[in-house]
Amino acid sequence: MADTIYVLNGPNLNLLGTREPAKYGTTTLADLEQLCRDAAKTAGFTAECRQSNHEGALVDWIHEAAAKKAVGLVINPAGYGHTSVAILDAVLSVQLPVVEVHITNIHAREGFRQHTYLSAAAKAVICGFGIDGYALAIAGLAALTKHKG
């Protein structure tokens, strides 16, 4: 999996397209995953896209990415970003480059959303660009790893 990146999405992102469309848009998770596969292909990667509402599944996939020697991770931890030390610890333990992405500008939202634990371990954080932030995150990961498509 040397040319694979993992794109992990946390809780409630399975509801993209119907959940608060004024904030998150009308693009579905399936559409977002296709955008990620296309952006990854442009960068010379293959994208392994996954979503879970369960913290432990996300931790397991972070471990799996390292075990399978993925190039890196793009993670939208969603609500777990504000609460999960376990996801932070998983990222720290695998030593893969991580780009954290959020669809909305978390710094312009409620106070509790303005801090994420994952940011302490991420090489970069992208927020506020809608789903296009994922393509930016993938391009950024390619630049971080010096991978040219």
C-alpha atoms as a PDB file:
ATOM      1  CA  MET A   1       0.000   0.000   0.000  1.00  0.00           C
ATOM      2  CA  ALA A   2       2.965   2.311  -0.501  1.00  0.00           C
ATOM      3  CA  ASP A   3       0.916   4.638  -2.712  1.00  0.00           C
ATOM      4  CA  THR A   4      -2.240   4.540  -0.596  1.00  0.00           C
ATOM      5  CA  ILE A   5      -3.605   7.246   1.649  1.00  0.00           C
ATOM      6  CA  TYR A   6      -6.406   6.725   4.102  1.00  0.00           C
ATOM      7  CA  VAL A   7      -9.251   9.238   4.178  1.00  0.00           C
ATOM      8  CA  LEU A   8     -11.127   8.786   7.436  1.00  0.00           C
ATOM      9  CA  ASN A   9     -14.382  10.486   8.359  1.00  0.00           C
ATOM     10  CA  GLY A  10     -15.871  10.543  11.829  1.00  0.00           C
ATOM     11  CA  PRO A  11     -19.364  10.646  13.273  1.00  0.00           C
ATOM     12  CA  ASN A  12     -22.379  11.958  11.409  1.00  0.00           C
ATOM     13  CA  LEU A  13     -20.518  12.418   8.136  1.00  0.00           C
ATOM     14  CA  ASN A  14     -22.568   9.522   6.765  1.00  0.00           C
ATOM     15  CA  LEU A  15     -25.403  12.072   6.772  1.00  0.00           C
ATOM     16  CA  LEU A  16     -23.688  14.491   4.391  1.00  0.00           C
ATOM     17  CA  GLY A  17     -26.137  15.889   1.909  1.00  0.00           C
ATOM     18  CA  THR A  18     -29.038  15.858   4.361  1.00  0.00           C
ATOM     19  CA  ARG A  19     -27.542  16.995   7.697  1.00  0.00           C
ATOM     20  CA  GLU A  20     -27.630  20.774   8.073  1.00  0.00           C
ATOM     21  CA  PRO A  21     -27.098  21.487   4.351  1.00  0.00           C
ATOM     22  CA  ALA A  22     -26.672  25.212   5.059  1.00  0.00           C
ATOM     23  CA  LYS A  23     -23.457  24.338   6.950  1.00  0.00           C
ATOM     24  CA  TYR A  24     -22.275  21.139   5.288  1.00  0.00           C
ATOM     25  CA  GLY A  25     -23.692  21.415   1.765  1.00  0.00           C
ATOM     26  CA  THR A  26     -25.690  18.937  -0.259  1.00  0.00           C
ATOM     27  CA  THR A  27     -22.841  16.702  -1.388  1.00  0.00           C
ATOM     28  CA  THR A  28     -23.249  13.129  -0.159  1.00  0.00           C
ATOM     29  CA  LEU A  29     -20.571  11.005   1.484  1.00  0.00           C
ATOM     30  CA  ALA A  30     -20.405   8.899  -1.695  1.00  0.00           C
ATOM     31  CA  ASP A  31     -19.762  12.068  -3.734  1.00  0.00           C
ATOM     32  CA  LEU A  32     -17.112  13.190  -1.245  1.00  0.00           C
ATOM     33  CA  GLU A  33     -15.369   9.827  -1.447  1.00  0.00           C
ATOM     34  CA  GLN A  34     -15.310  10.055  -5.249  1.00  0.00           C
ATOM     35  CA  LEU A  35     -13.810  13.538  -5.000  1.00  0.00           C
ATOM     36  CA  CYS A  36     -11.107  12.071  -2.717  1.00  0.00           C
ATOM     37  CA  ARG A  37     -10.390   9.171  -5.068  1.00  0.00           C
ATOM     38  CA  ASP A  38     -10.070  11.612  -7.977  1.00  0.00           C
ATOM     39  CA  ALA A  39      -7.799  13.989  -6.023  1.00  0.00           C
ATOM     40  CA  ALA A  40      -5.694  11.059  -4.850  1.00  0.00           C
ATOM     41  CA  LYS A  41      -5.322   9.773  -8.407  1.00  0.00           C
ATOM     42  CA  THR A  42      -4.179  13.218  -9.563  1.00  0.00           C
ATOM     43  CA  ALA A  43      -1.546  13.173  -6.796  1.00  0.00           C
ATOM     44  CA  GLY A  44      -0.443   9.638  -7.692  1.00  0.00           C
ATOM     45  CA  PHE A  45      -2.169   7.944  -4.769  1.00  0.00           C
ATOM     46  CA  THR A  46      -4.987   5.515  -4.211  1.00  0.00           C
ATOM     47  CA  ALA A  47      -7.494   6.623  -1.576  1.00  0.00           C
ATOM     48  CA  GLU A  48      -8.901   4.184   0.963  1.00  0.00           C
ATOM     49  CA  CYS A  49     -12.023   6.022   2.157  1.00  0.00           C
ATOM     50  CA  ARG A  50     -13.833   5.057   5.342  1.00  0.00           C
ATOM     51  CA  GLN A  51     -16.432   6.547   7.689  1.00  0.00           C
ATOM     52  CA  SER A  52     -17.574   5.487  11.134  1.00  0.00           C
ATOM     53  CA  ASN A  53     -19.676   6.834  13.950  1.00  0.00           C
ATOM     54  CA  HIS A  54     -17.558   4.743  16.346  1.00  0.00           C
ATOM     55  CA  GLU A  55     -14.334   6.047  17.849  1.00  0.00           C
ATOM     56  CA  GLY A  56     -12.738   2.590  18.132  1.00  0.00           C
ATOM     57  CA  ALA A  57     -13.207   1.891  14.427  1.00  0.00           C
ATOM     58  CA  LEU A  58     -11.355   5.090  13.586  1.00  0.00           C
ATOM     59  CA  VAL A  59      -8.524   4.122  15.946  1.00  0.00           C
ATOM     60  CA  ASP A  60      -8.348   0.662  14.355  1.00  0.00           C
ATOM     61  CA  TRP A  61      -8.142   2.170  10.861  1.00  0.00           C
ATOM     62  CA  ILE A  62      -5.346   4.516  11.926  1.00  0.00           C
ATOM     63  CA  HIS A  63      -3.416   1.475  13.173  1.00  0.00           C
ATOM     64  CA  GLU A  64      -4.247  -0.407   9.965  1.00  0.00           C
ATOM     65  CA  ALA A  65      -2.947   2.453   7.826  1.00  0.00           C
ATOM     66  CA  ALA A  66       0.426   2.203   9.546  1.00  0.00           C
ATOM     67  CA  ALA A  67       0.496  -1.603   9.409  1.00  0.00           C
ATOM     68  CA  LYS A  68      -0.211  -1.499   5.667  1.00  0.00           C
ATOM     69  CA  LYS A  69       2.431   1.204   5.181  1.00  0.00           C
ATOM     70  CA  ALA A  70       0.082   3.889   3.887  1.00  0.00           C
ATOM     71  CA  VAL A  71       1.697   7.155   2.810  1.00  0.00           C
ATOM     72  CA  GLY A  72      -0.412   9.150   5.250  1.00  0.00           C
ATOM     73  CA  LEU A  73      -3.846  10.057   6.508  1.00  0.00           C
ATOM     74  CA  VAL A  74      -6.469  12.687   5.832  1.00  0.00           C
ATOM     75  CA  ILE A  75      -8.848  12.745   8.770  1.00  0.00           C
ATOM     76  CA  ASN A  76     -12.034  14.616   9.498  1.00  0.00           C
ATOM     77  CA  PRO A  77     -12.582  13.566  13.102  1.00  0.00           C
ATOM     78  CA  ALA A  78     -15.853  15.530  13.214  1.00  0.00           C
ATOM     79  CA  GLY A  79     -17.134  15.709  16.798  1.00  0.00           C
ATOM     80  CA  TYR A  80     -14.373  13.406  18.008  1.00  0.00           C
ATOM     81  CA  GLY A  81     -11.836  16.112  17.245  1.00  0.00           C
ATOM     82  CA  HIS A  82     -13.105  18.021  20.264  1.00  0.00           C
ATOM     83  CA  THR A  83     -13.272  15.054  22.618  1.00  0.00           C
ATOM     84  CA  SER A  84     -11.008  12.177  21.609  1.00  0.00           C
ATOM     85  CA  VAL A  85      -7.636  11.747  23.230  1.00  0.00           C
ATOM     86  CA  ALA A  86      -7.767   8.166  21.895  1.00  0.00           C
ATOM     87  CA  ILE A  87      -7.662   9.338  18.271  1.00  0.00           C
ATOM     88  CA  LEU A  88      -4.811  11.728  19.104  1.00  0.00           C
ATOM     89  CA  ASP A  89      -2.891   8.905  20.792  1.00  0.00           C
ATOM     90  CA  ALA A  90      -3.486   6.602  17.811  1.00  0.00           C
ATOM     91  CA  VAL A  91      -2.102   9.195  15.401  1.00  0.00           C
ATOM     92  CA  LEU A  92       0.900   9.839  17.637  1.00  0.00           C
ATOM     93  CA  SER A  93       1.586   6.116  17.892  1.00  0.00           C
ATOM     94  CA  VAL A  94       1.716   5.429  14.157  1.00  0.00           C
ATOM     95  CA  GLN A  95       3.964   8.313  13.110  1.00  0.00           C
ATOM     96  CA  LEU A  96       2.292   8.842   9.749  1.00  0.00           C
ATOM     97  CA  PRO A  97       1.812  12.329   8.316  1.00  0.00           C
ATOM     98  CA  VAL A  98      -1.730  13.493   9.001  1.00  0.00           C
ATOM     99  CA  VAL A  99      -3.750  16.331   7.537  1.00  0.00           C
ATOM    100  CA  GLU A 100      -6.832  17.217   9.569  1.00  0.00           C
ATOM    101  CA  VAL A 101      -9.761  18.539   7.572  1.00  0.00           C
ATOM    102  CA  HIS A 102     -13.086  20.115   8.533  1.00  0.00           C
ATOM    103  CA  ILE A 103     -15.841  21.112   6.133  1.00  0.00           C
ATOM    104  CA  THR A 104     -16.774  24.225   8.094  1.00  0.00           C
ATOM    105  CA  ASN A 105     -14.522  26.866   9.615  1.00  0.00           C
ATOM    106  CA  ILE A 106     -14.433  25.490  13.153  1.00  0.00           C
ATOM    107  CA  HIS A 107     -12.853  28.739  14.390  1.00  0.00           C
ATOM    108  CA  ALA A 108     -15.969  30.693  13.429  1.00  0.00           C
ATOM    109  CA  ARG A 109     -18.302  28.324  15.292  1.00  0.00           C
ATOM    110  CA  GLU A 110     -19.151  27.588  18.906  1.00  0.00           C
ATOM    111  CA  GLY A 111     -16.288  27.859  21.368  1.00  0.00           C
ATOM    112  CA  PHE A 112     -16.139  24.124  22.073  1.00  0.00           C
ATOM    113  CA  ARG A 113     -15.594  23.431  18.345  1.00  0.00           C
ATOM    114  CA  GLN A 114     -12.609  25.763  18.067  1.00  0.00           C
ATOM    115  CA  HIS A 115     -10.115  23.321  19.624  1.00  0.00           C
ATOM    116  CA  THR A 116      -9.348  19.829  18.410  1.00  0.00           C
ATOM    117  CA  TYR A 117      -7.025  17.377  20.106  1.00  0.00           C
ATOM    118  CA  LEU A 118      -5.919  15.996  16.747  1.00  0.00           C
ATOM    119  CA  SER A 119      -4.472  19.350  15.678  1.00  0.00           C
ATOM    120  CA  ALA A 120      -1.572  18.811  18.090  1.00  0.00           C
ATOM    121  CA  ALA A 121      -0.386  15.866  15.975  1.00  0.00           C
ATOM    122  CA  ALA A 122      -1.444  16.984  12.491  1.00  0.00           C
ATOM    123  CA  LYS A 123       1.101  18.289   9.985  1.00  0.00           C
ATOM    124  CA  ALA A 124      -1.605  20.650   8.721  1.00  0.00           C
ATOM    125  CA  VAL A 125      -5.218  21.606   9.369  1.00  0.00           C
ATOM    126  CA  ILE A 126      -7.641  22.719   6.659  1.00  0.00           C
ATOM    127  CA  CYS A 127     -11.065  24.063   7.513  1.00  0.00           C
ATOM    128  CA  GLY A 128     -13.780  26.163   5.959  1.00  0.00           C
ATOM    129  CA  PHE A 129     -13.401  25.187   2.294  1.00  0.00           C
ATOM    130  CA  GLY A 130     -16.349  22.807   2.284  1.00  0.00           C
ATOM    131  CA  ILE A 131     -15.686  19.445   0.711  1.00  0.00           C
ATOM    132  CA  ASP A 132     -13.011  21.021  -1.485  1.00  0.00           C
ATOM    133  CA  GLY A 133     -10.884  21.034   1.659  1.00  0.00           C
ATOM    134  CA  TYR A 134     -10.385  17.301   1.175  1.00  0.00           C
ATOM    135  CA  ALA A 135      -8.785  17.825  -2.246  1.00  0.00           C
ATOM    136  CA  LEU A 136      -6.568  20.503  -0.704  1.00  0.00           C
ATOM    137  CA  ALA A 137      -5.651  18.117   2.110  1.00  0.00           C
ATOM    138  CA  ILE A 138      -4.712  15.376  -0.355  1.00  0.00           C
ATOM    139  CA  ALA A 139      -2.597  17.786  -2.421  1.00  0.00           C
ATOM    140  CA  GLY A 140      -0.983  18.990   0.777  1.00  0.00           C
ATOM    141  CA  LEU A 141      -0.237  15.431   1.870  1.00  0.00           C
ATOM    142  CA  ALA A 142       1.388  14.808  -1.509  1.00  0.00           C
ATOM    143  CA  ALA A 143       3.549  17.911  -1.020  1.00  0.00           C
ATOM    144  CA  LEU A 144       4.454  16.875   2.531  1.00  0.00           C
ATOM    145  CA  THR A 145       5.557  13.457   1.364  1.00  0.00           C
ATOM    146  CA  LYS A 146       7.205  14.791  -1.809  1.00  0.00           C
ATOM    147  CA  HIS A 147       4.993  12.446  -3.815  1.00  0.00           C
ATOM    148  CA  LYS A 148       4.433  13.655  -7.348  1.00  0.00           C
ATOM    149  CA  GLY A 149       1.615  12.218  -9.439  1.00  0.00           C
END
